[in-house]
Amino acid sequence: MKHVYFDYAATTPVDSRVKKAMLPYFSEKFGNTMSLHSFGQEAKLVLEKSRETVADLIRAKPEEIIFTGSATESNNLALKGIAFANQNKGHTRLHRYASPHRYASPQQIQRFWRAKRCGQVIISPIEHPCIIETAKWLQKQGFQITKLKVDKYGMVNPLALEKEIRKDTILVSVIHASNEIGTIQPIEKIGKICRNKGVYFHTDAVQSFGKIPIDVNKMNIDLLTASSHKMYGPKGAACLYIREGVRIEPILHGGGQERGLRSSTVNIPAIVGFAKACEICKKEMGKEAQRLIKLRDKLIRNVLKIKGSYLNGHPQKRLPNNANFRFDFIEGESIILRLDLLGIAVSTGSACSSIKLEPSSVLLATGLKPAEAHGSLRISLGRWTTEKEIDYLIKVLPGIINQLRKISPFKVIKSA
């Protein structure tokens, strides 16, 4: 049986060149970067060299890169760190244990709590779950959370964002490219609005990092999240770009590693692998993107020949490797299981939440009904995807759709 992997948006295999670069740092060069002896200094040197390599991919300064253990950690640090460092923006500073007088009138009590509230954080409704859940947690701490609306393609309207910004707005966080539907946001325009309004701007660039060009200065980005395992590096390494001068509080405290913003013994092997993956992507990104676009477009053209099939996300402004579809009257989970029996690995959406039975919040935000969102299928291509594999999927998918519609309890389309 053939084995075909079409879930590169969930994770990627480690490139053999990355693995080779990492190997010495598991045994021969195992020093702790905080040690003063030669073993530690060797580790410190390679850490800083890796920082330079990662920074170079997005035209940042090396000292603006903070290494973390995952994209989830980076996103938590970005939102919580910025929120708490700037929580009183636009509001009168009050003692944390202050409370209204017991004899205060209802109007006085209302004014007190209105003054006590923390500032505003704005996010989009198509963010990764770690952004959505962090925002919910911040709301419980007193921060004001505003969710923007998106259009049918999952695109944020920069003008609508501008209207939502207030004097107490601390941070705007908008994903660069959707991990589910692949839509690429107008980040430069959003960043410019935030810069003009004096508001910090963060973007989760996990899916776009290493796939399409990013210039943090041109795009007016203050904070950016990236992850190694989405770009043929190892799991356990990620980073947060923090523009010089940005006020942020750490969420981990300890030995003071990473400029005191992420205390923990540094994972040198994983970071070396992350840096090597960045080096490879910088050299091969343009050519690889064009190759994947051709394969992606061939896939989209052929899948849309199936009756009752639709493309989710923007038809042009999307990641080179992402194709997300929905099919009338069947569930995406059923398609996945049938394809898996044929050796084809795909997903319904974010790998972090694909085992949940709820419809995708991203697809619901674009205006789809729950039944429509349940019929979604994400196909993500990668470095080792071949045209033969695309042809194999195109060959077997229509039959699977027809089979599932025959046993569907919903209205049936005659033929795919």
Protein backbone atom coordinates (compact mmCIF):
# COMPACT_ATOMS: atom_id res chain seq x y z
CA MET A 1 0.00 0.00 0.00
CA LYS A 2 1.18 3.50 -0.82
CA HIS A 3 1.84 5.92 2.03
CA VAL A 4 1.26 9.56 1.14
CA TYR A 5 1.57 12.44 3.59
CA PHE A 6 -0.63 15.49 2.94
CA ASP A 7 -0.61 16.98 6.46
CA TYR A 8 2.48 19.22 6.39
CA ALA A 9 0.51 22.01 8.12
CA ALA A 10 0.28 19.78 11.21
CA THR A 11 3.98 18.94 11.31
CA THR A 12 6.85 18.18 8.97
CA PRO A 13 9.53 15.47 8.92
CA VAL A 14 12.98 16.64 9.94
CA ASP A 15 15.14 17.35 6.90
CA SER A 16 18.22 15.09 6.78
CA ARG A 17 20.43 18.20 6.57
CA VAL A 18 18.85 19.50 9.77
CA LYS A 19 19.34 16.18 11.53
CA LYS A 20 23.02 16.12 10.54
CA ALA A 21 23.55 19.63 11.96
CA MET A 22 21.91 18.66 15.26
CA LEU A 23 23.64 15.37 16.00
CA PRO A 24 26.92 16.67 17.55
CA TYR A 25 24.94 18.69 20.13
CA PHE A 26 23.33 15.61 21.66
CA SER A 27 26.61 14.06 22.80
CA GLU A 28 29.89 15.68 21.79
CA LYS A 29 28.92 19.35 22.27
CA PHE A 30 26.49 19.06 25.16
CA GLY A 31 27.40 22.11 27.26
CA ASN A 32 25.01 24.37 29.16
CA THR A 33 25.04 27.94 27.82
CA MET A 34 25.16 29.34 31.38
CA SER A 35 28.42 27.53 32.24
CA LEU A 36 31.68 29.51 32.21
CA HIS A 37 33.95 26.68 31.07
CA SER A 38 34.74 25.84 27.45
CA PHE A 39 31.83 23.41 27.06
CA GLY A 40 29.38 26.11 28.10
CA GLN A 41 31.02 28.81 26.02
CA GLU A 42 30.92 26.60 22.93
CA ALA A 43 27.17 26.13 23.47
CA LYS A 44 26.74 29.87 24.02
CA LEU A 45 28.54 30.62 20.77
CA VAL A 46 26.36 28.30 18.70
CA LEU A 47 23.24 29.70 20.41
CA GLU A 48 24.09 33.23 19.30
CA LYS A 49 25.01 32.04 15.82
CA SER A 50 21.63 30.31 15.58
CA ARG A 51 19.92 33.50 16.76
CA GLU A 52 21.57 35.40 13.91
CA THR A 53 20.40 32.84 11.35
CA VAL A 54 16.79 32.88 12.53
CA ALA A 55 16.74 36.70 12.70
CA ASP A 56 18.14 36.97 9.19
CA LEU A 57 15.16 35.12 7.71
CA ILE A 58 12.79 37.94 8.78
CA ARG A 59 15.29 40.85 8.65
CA ALA A 60 15.33 41.27 12.42
CA LYS A 61 18.21 41.99 14.78
CA PRO A 62 19.64 38.90 16.53
CA GLU A 63 18.94 40.36 19.96
CA GLU A 64 15.25 40.64 19.04
CA ILE A 65 14.88 36.84 18.84
CA ILE A 66 13.84 34.95 21.99
CA PHE A 67 13.94 31.15 21.77
CA THR A 68 11.08 29.21 23.36
CA GLY A 69 9.93 25.59 23.47
CA SER A 70 6.85 25.89 21.24
CA ALA A 71 4.65 28.27 19.28
CA THR A 72 2.05 27.95 22.03
CA GLU A 73 4.59 29.24 24.54
CA SER A 74 5.60 32.09 22.22
CA ASN A 75 1.99 33.14 21.69
CA ASN A 76 1.29 33.00 25.42
CA LEU A 77 4.37 35.11 26.12
CA ALA A 78 3.35 37.63 23.46
CA LEU A 79 -0.22 38.12 24.67
CA LYS A 80 0.25 37.76 28.43
CA GLY A 81 3.62 39.49 28.51
CA ILE A 82 2.41 42.52 26.57
CA ALA A 83 -0.95 42.68 28.34
CA PHE A 84 0.47 42.70 31.87
CA ALA A 85 3.35 45.03 31.05
CA ASN A 86 0.88 47.58 29.67
CA GLN A 87 -2.33 46.74 31.53
CA ASN A 88 -3.06 50.27 32.73
CA LYS A 89 -2.87 51.91 29.32
CA GLY A 90 -5.70 54.42 29.05
CA HIS A 91 -6.88 53.82 32.61
CA THR A 92 -6.21 55.28 36.05
CA ARG A 93 -3.77 53.12 37.98
CA LEU A 94 -5.44 51.56 41.03
CA HIS A 95 -4.13 49.41 43.84
CA ARG A 96 -4.81 45.75 43.01
CA TYR A 97 -6.72 45.25 46.29
CA ALA A 98 -8.71 48.47 46.06
CA SER A 99 -12.51 48.14 46.31
CA PRO A 100 -15.44 50.59 46.36
CA HIS A 101 -16.63 51.94 49.73
CA ARG A 102 -19.36 49.80 51.34
CA TYR A 103 -21.75 52.78 51.27
CA ALA A 104 -21.02 53.74 47.66
CA SER A 105 -23.99 54.28 45.35
CA PRO A 106 -24.59 51.91 42.40
CA GLN A 107 -23.36 54.64 40.06
CA GLN A 108 -20.15 55.06 42.08
CA ILE A 109 -19.57 51.29 42.12
CA GLN A 110 -20.07 51.11 38.35
CA ARG A 111 -17.60 53.97 37.80
CA PHE A 112 -15.09 52.27 40.10
CA TRP A 113 -15.10 48.96 38.24
CA ARG A 114 -15.06 50.70 34.87
CA ALA A 115 -11.91 52.54 35.96
CA LYS A 116 -10.38 49.37 37.40
CA ARG A 117 -10.63 47.32 34.22
CA CYS A 118 -7.49 46.57 32.25
CA GLY A 119 -6.80 47.61 28.67
CA GLN A 120 -8.07 46.14 25.41
CA VAL A 121 -6.59 43.30 23.36
CA ILE A 122 -7.88 42.76 19.81
CA ILE A 123 -7.68 39.40 18.02
CA SER A 124 -9.20 37.85 14.92
CA PRO A 125 -11.72 34.97 15.16
CA ILE A 126 -9.53 32.71 12.98
CA GLU A 127 -6.55 32.56 15.33
CA HIS A 128 -4.90 29.33 16.44
CA PRO A 129 -6.50 27.87 19.61
CA CYS A 130 -3.53 28.95 21.75
CA ILE A 131 -4.31 32.59 20.92
CA ILE A 132 -8.07 32.16 21.42
CA GLU A 133 -7.64 30.39 24.77
CA THR A 134 -5.04 32.87 26.01
CA ALA A 135 -7.40 35.73 25.15
CA LYS A 136 -10.19 34.02 27.12
CA TRP A 137 -7.86 33.71 30.10
CA LEU A 138 -6.86 37.37 29.86
CA GLN A 139 -10.53 38.33 29.81
CA LYS A 140 -10.97 36.55 33.15
CA GLN A 141 -8.14 38.70 34.52
CA GLY A 142 -10.02 41.88 33.60
CA PHE A 143 -8.69 42.63 30.13
CA GLN A 144 -11.13 43.72 27.44
CA ILE A 145 -11.05 41.28 24.50
CA THR A 146 -12.41 42.32 21.11
CA LYS A 147 -12.80 39.84 18.25
CA LEU A 148 -12.75 41.23 14.73
CA LYS A 149 -15.00 39.92 11.99
CA VAL A 150 -13.68 38.33 8.80
CA ASP A 151 -15.20 38.00 5.33
CA LYS A 152 -16.17 34.77 3.58
CA TYR A 153 -12.50 34.14 2.73
CA GLY A 154 -11.37 34.60 6.33
CA MET A 155 -9.82 38.00 5.56
CA VAL A 156 -9.58 40.79 8.17
CA ASN A 157 -10.64 44.26 7.02
CA PRO A 158 -7.92 46.74 8.14
CA LEU A 159 -10.40 49.64 8.16
CA ALA A 160 -12.71 47.72 10.48
CA LEU A 161 -9.76 47.06 12.76
CA GLU A 162 -8.89 50.77 12.83
CA LYS A 163 -12.40 51.58 14.09
CA GLU A 164 -12.02 49.11 16.97
CA ILE A 165 -8.79 50.63 18.32
CA ARG A 166 -9.30 52.76 21.43
CA LYS A 167 -7.06 54.79 23.70
CA ASP A 168 -6.75 51.76 26.02
CA THR A 169 -5.90 49.27 23.23
CA ILE A 170 -2.71 47.46 24.21
CA LEU A 171 -2.22 44.85 21.52
CA VAL A 172 -3.58 43.62 18.20
CA SER A 173 -2.88 39.98 17.28
CA VAL A 174 -3.76 38.76 13.78
CA ILE A 175 -2.49 35.49 12.33
CA HIS A 176 -0.30 35.96 9.23
CA ALA A 177 -1.69 32.96 7.36
CA SER A 178 -4.46 30.69 8.58
CA ASN A 179 -3.31 27.24 9.65
CA GLU A 180 -6.66 25.86 8.45
CA ILE A 181 -7.80 27.67 5.31
CA GLY A 182 -4.46 29.18 4.23
CA THR A 183 -5.69 32.76 3.79
CA ILE A 184 -2.86 35.32 3.99
CA GLN A 185 -3.79 38.50 5.84
CA PRO A 186 -2.86 42.08 4.80
CA ILE A 187 -0.28 42.21 7.57
CA GLU A 188 1.59 45.27 6.32
CA LYS A 189 -1.59 47.38 6.29
CA ILE A 190 -2.66 46.11 9.70
CA GLY A 191 0.80 46.77 11.10
CA LYS A 192 0.85 50.30 9.72
CA ILE A 193 -2.49 51.11 11.36
CA CYS A 194 -1.26 49.78 14.70
CA ARG A 195 2.03 51.71 14.41
CA ASN A 196 0.17 54.96 13.65
CA LYS A 197 -2.16 54.38 16.60
CA GLY A 198 0.64 53.55 19.04
CA VAL A 199 -0.59 49.98 19.54
CA TYR A 200 1.63 46.89 19.65
CA PHE A 201 1.07 44.42 16.80
CA HIS A 202 1.70 40.68 17.07
CA THR A 203 1.31 38.08 14.35
CA ASP A 204 1.34 34.30 14.58
CA ALA A 205 3.49 33.43 11.56
CA VAL A 206 3.88 29.72 12.30
CA GLN A 207 2.41 28.61 8.95
CA SER A 208 4.01 31.32 6.80
CA PHE A 209 7.52 31.38 8.33
CA GLY A 210 9.92 29.90 5.80
CA LYS A 211 7.23 29.57 3.12
CA ILE A 212 6.72 33.18 2.03
CA PRO A 213 8.92 36.28 2.53
CA ILE A 214 8.60 38.17 5.84
CA ASP A 215 10.20 41.52 6.64
CA VAL A 216 9.29 42.60 10.18
CA ASN A 217 10.34 46.20 9.51
CA LYS A 218 8.50 46.66 6.23
CA MET A 219 5.44 44.92 7.66
CA ASN A 220 5.41 47.01 10.88
CA ILE A 221 5.46 43.93 13.11
CA ASP A 222 6.31 44.33 16.82
CA LEU A 223 6.08 40.66 17.81
CA LEU A 224 6.12 37.50 15.68
CA THR A 225 5.79 33.81 16.52
CA ALA A 226 7.51 31.03 14.54
CA SER A 227 7.99 27.30 15.06
CA SER A 228 10.69 24.86 13.97
CA HIS A 229 8.62 21.72 13.38
CA LYS A 230 6.44 23.42 10.76
CA MET A 231 9.49 24.00 8.52
CA TYR A 232 11.37 20.67 8.59
CA GLY A 233 13.13 21.33 11.89
CA PRO A 234 12.70 19.45 15.19
CA LYS A 235 9.87 19.77 17.67
CA GLY A 236 10.69 21.56 20.90
CA ALA A 237 12.08 24.77 19.38
CA ALA A 238 10.29 27.99 18.47
CA CYS A 239 10.90 31.71 18.79
CA LEU A 240 9.26 35.01 19.53
CA TYR A 241 10.54 38.07 17.72
CA ILE A 242 10.21 41.10 20.01
CA ARG A 243 11.01 44.46 18.47
CA GLU A 244 13.63 46.45 20.38
CA GLY A 245 11.96 48.76 22.91
CA VAL A 246 8.72 46.77 23.29
CA ARG A 247 7.55 46.56 26.92
CA ILE A 248 6.91 42.94 27.87
CA GLU A 249 6.82 40.89 31.07
CA PRO A 250 8.18 37.31 31.28
CA ILE A 251 5.80 34.49 32.14
CA LEU A 252 8.60 32.12 33.21
CA HIS A 253 11.03 33.16 35.97
CA GLY A 254 14.27 31.48 36.89
CA GLY A 255 17.90 31.63 35.80
CA GLY A 256 17.56 34.60 33.48
CA GLN A 257 18.17 32.89 30.13
CA GLU A 258 17.02 34.66 26.94
CA ARG A 259 17.45 38.15 28.40
CA GLY A 260 15.33 37.13 31.38
CA LEU A 261 12.25 36.74 29.17
CA ARG A 262 12.35 32.94 29.01
CA SER A 263 14.18 31.33 31.87
CA SER A 264 14.94 27.64 31.21
CA THR A 265 18.00 25.65 30.23
CA VAL A 266 18.40 26.27 26.52
CA ASN A 267 17.63 23.37 24.17
CA ILE A 268 20.73 23.70 22.01
CA PRO A 269 20.20 20.66 19.71
CA ALA A 270 16.68 21.78 18.79
CA ILE A 271 17.72 25.41 18.31
CA VAL A 272 20.62 24.37 16.07
CA GLY A 273 18.11 22.36 14.03
CA PHE A 274 15.72 25.30 13.92
CA ALA A 275 18.47 27.57 12.62
CA LYS A 276 19.55 25.05 9.98
CA ALA A 277 15.94 24.77 8.83
CA CYS A 278 15.82 28.57 8.50
CA GLU A 279 19.05 28.57 6.50
CA ILE A 280 17.65 25.98 4.07
CA CYS A 281 14.33 27.79 3.71
CA LYS A 282 16.04 31.08 2.92
CA LYS A 283 17.91 29.46 0.03
CA GLU A 284 15.06 27.34 -1.33
CA MET A 285 11.88 29.26 -0.42
CA GLY A 286 11.22 30.95 -3.76
CA LYS A 287 11.72 27.90 -5.94
CA GLU A 288 9.86 25.62 -3.56
CA ALA A 289 6.88 27.99 -3.32
CA GLN A 290 6.49 28.02 -7.11
CA ARG A 291 6.65 24.22 -7.24
CA LEU A 292 4.02 23.85 -4.53
CA ILE A 293 1.71 26.44 -6.09
CA LYS A 294 1.61 24.40 -9.31
CA LEU A 295 0.77 21.23 -7.40
CA ARG A 296 -1.75 23.01 -5.19
CA ASP A 297 -3.56 24.61 -8.14
CA LYS A 298 -3.72 21.31 -10.01
CA LEU A 299 -5.25 19.72 -6.93
CA ILE A 300 -7.79 22.52 -6.50
CA ARG A 301 -8.86 22.44 -10.15
CA ASN A 302 -9.52 18.72 -10.06
CA VAL A 303 -11.20 18.51 -6.66
CA LEU A 304 -13.61 21.29 -7.59
CA LYS A 305 -14.82 19.13 -10.48
CA ILE A 306 -16.57 17.02 -7.85
CA LYS A 307 -20.19 18.14 -7.52
CA GLY A 308 -21.00 19.80 -4.22
CA SER A 309 -17.37 20.69 -3.49
CA TYR A 310 -16.06 24.14 -2.54
CA LEU A 311 -12.74 25.81 -1.76
CA ASN A 312 -12.39 27.34 1.71
CA GLY A 313 -10.18 30.40 2.09
CA HIS A 314 -9.05 33.02 -0.39
CA PRO A 315 -8.69 31.73 -3.97
CA GLN A 316 -5.45 33.69 -4.61
CA LYS A 317 -4.13 35.12 -1.35
CA ARG A 318 -3.34 31.78 0.24
CA LEU A 319 -0.31 29.77 1.30
CA PRO A 320 1.51 27.92 -1.50
CA ASN A 321 0.94 24.55 0.16
CA ASN A 322 -2.63 24.85 1.47
CA ALA A 323 -5.85 23.56 -0.10
CA ASN A 324 -8.94 23.40 2.11
CA PHE A 325 -12.23 22.03 0.76
CA ARG A 326 -15.72 21.30 1.97
CA PHE A 327 -18.15 18.75 0.59
CA ASP A 328 -21.93 18.83 0.85
CA PHE A 329 -23.73 16.20 2.94
CA ILE A 330 -20.70 14.33 4.35
CA GLU A 331 -18.31 14.82 7.25
CA GLY A 332 -14.61 15.50 6.90
CA GLU A 333 -13.76 12.86 9.51
CA SER A 334 -15.31 10.15 7.34
CA ILE A 335 -13.23 11.25 4.35
CA ILE A 336 -10.07 11.18 6.46
CA LEU A 337 -10.69 7.63 7.63
CA ARG A 338 -11.42 6.39 4.11
CA LEU A 339 -8.29 8.07 2.73
CA ASP A 340 -6.21 6.67 5.56
CA LEU A 341 -7.24 3.15 4.56
CA LEU A 342 -5.67 3.95 1.18
CA GLY A 343 -2.48 5.25 2.80
CA ILE A 344 -3.25 8.96 2.43
CA ALA A 345 -2.87 11.25 5.45
CA VAL A 346 -4.93 14.48 5.51
CA SER A 347 -6.80 16.43 8.20
CA THR A 348 -9.96 18.43 8.82
CA GLY A 349 -8.24 21.50 10.23
CA SER A 350 -5.82 22.47 13.00
CA ALA A 351 -3.96 19.40 14.27
CA CYS A 352 -4.34 20.78 17.80
CA SER A 353 -8.12 20.45 17.65
CA SER A 354 -8.86 18.03 14.81
CA ILE A 355 -9.96 15.25 17.19
CA LYS A 356 -12.76 17.45 18.55
CA LEU A 357 -16.27 16.88 17.24
CA GLU A 358 -17.18 20.57 17.19
CA PRO A 359 -17.20 22.34 13.81
CA SER A 360 -14.17 24.51 13.05
CA SER A 361 -14.43 27.96 14.63
CA VAL A 362 -12.41 29.31 11.72
CA LEU A 363 -14.94 28.09 9.16
CA LEU A 364 -17.86 29.29 11.28
CA ALA A 365 -16.24 32.74 11.41
CA THR A 366 -16.30 32.86 7.59
CA GLY A 367 -20.08 32.46 7.67
CA LEU A 368 -20.44 28.73 7.09
CA LYS A 369 -23.16 26.79 8.88
CA PRO A 370 -22.07 24.02 11.30
CA ALA A 371 -23.15 21.29 8.87
CA GLU A 372 -21.08 22.90 6.11
CA ALA A 373 -18.05 23.31 8.37
CA HIS A 374 -18.20 19.62 9.35
CA GLY A 375 -17.59 18.65 5.72
CA SER A 376 -14.14 20.24 5.52
CA LEU A 377 -10.90 18.65 4.42
CA ARG A 378 -7.43 20.24 4.72
CA ILE A 379 -4.76 19.04 2.32
CA SER A 380 -1.33 20.55 2.94
CA LEU A 381 1.66 19.87 0.72
CA GLY A 382 5.36 19.93 1.49
CA ARG A 383 8.96 19.49 0.46
CA TRP A 384 8.57 15.84 -0.53
CA THR A 385 5.15 16.04 -2.19
CA THR A 386 5.24 14.78 -5.78
CA GLU A 387 2.90 15.19 -8.73
CA LYS A 388 2.32 11.42 -8.70
CA GLU A 389 1.00 11.71 -5.16
CA ILE A 390 -1.34 14.52 -6.24
CA ASP A 391 -2.56 12.35 -9.11
CA TYR A 392 -3.19 9.46 -6.71
CA LEU A 393 -5.34 11.65 -4.47
CA ILE A 394 -7.24 13.08 -7.43
CA LYS A 395 -7.92 9.54 -8.64
CA VAL A 396 -9.33 8.10 -5.40
CA LEU A 397 -11.10 11.08 -3.81
CA PRO A 398 -14.19 11.26 -6.10
CA GLY A 399 -14.99 7.61 -5.45
CA ILE A 400 -14.75 8.12 -1.69
CA ILE A 401 -17.05 11.15 -1.85
CA ASN A 402 -19.61 9.14 -3.86
CA GLN A 403 -19.46 6.19 -1.46
CA LEU A 404 -19.99 8.38 1.58
CA ARG A 405 -22.88 10.25 -0.02
CA LYS A 406 -24.64 6.97 -0.76
CA ILE A 407 -24.74 6.16 2.95
CA SER A 408 -25.23 9.75 4.11
CA PRO A 409 -28.41 10.48 6.11
CA PHE A 410 -28.47 13.91 4.48
CA LYS A 411 -29.66 14.93 1.01
CA VAL A 412 -27.66 13.07 -1.63
CA ILE A 413 -26.07 14.47 -4.77
CA LYS A 414 -26.44 12.01 -7.64
CA SER A 415 -22.85 11.89 -8.80
CA ALA A 416 -19.46 13.31 -7.92
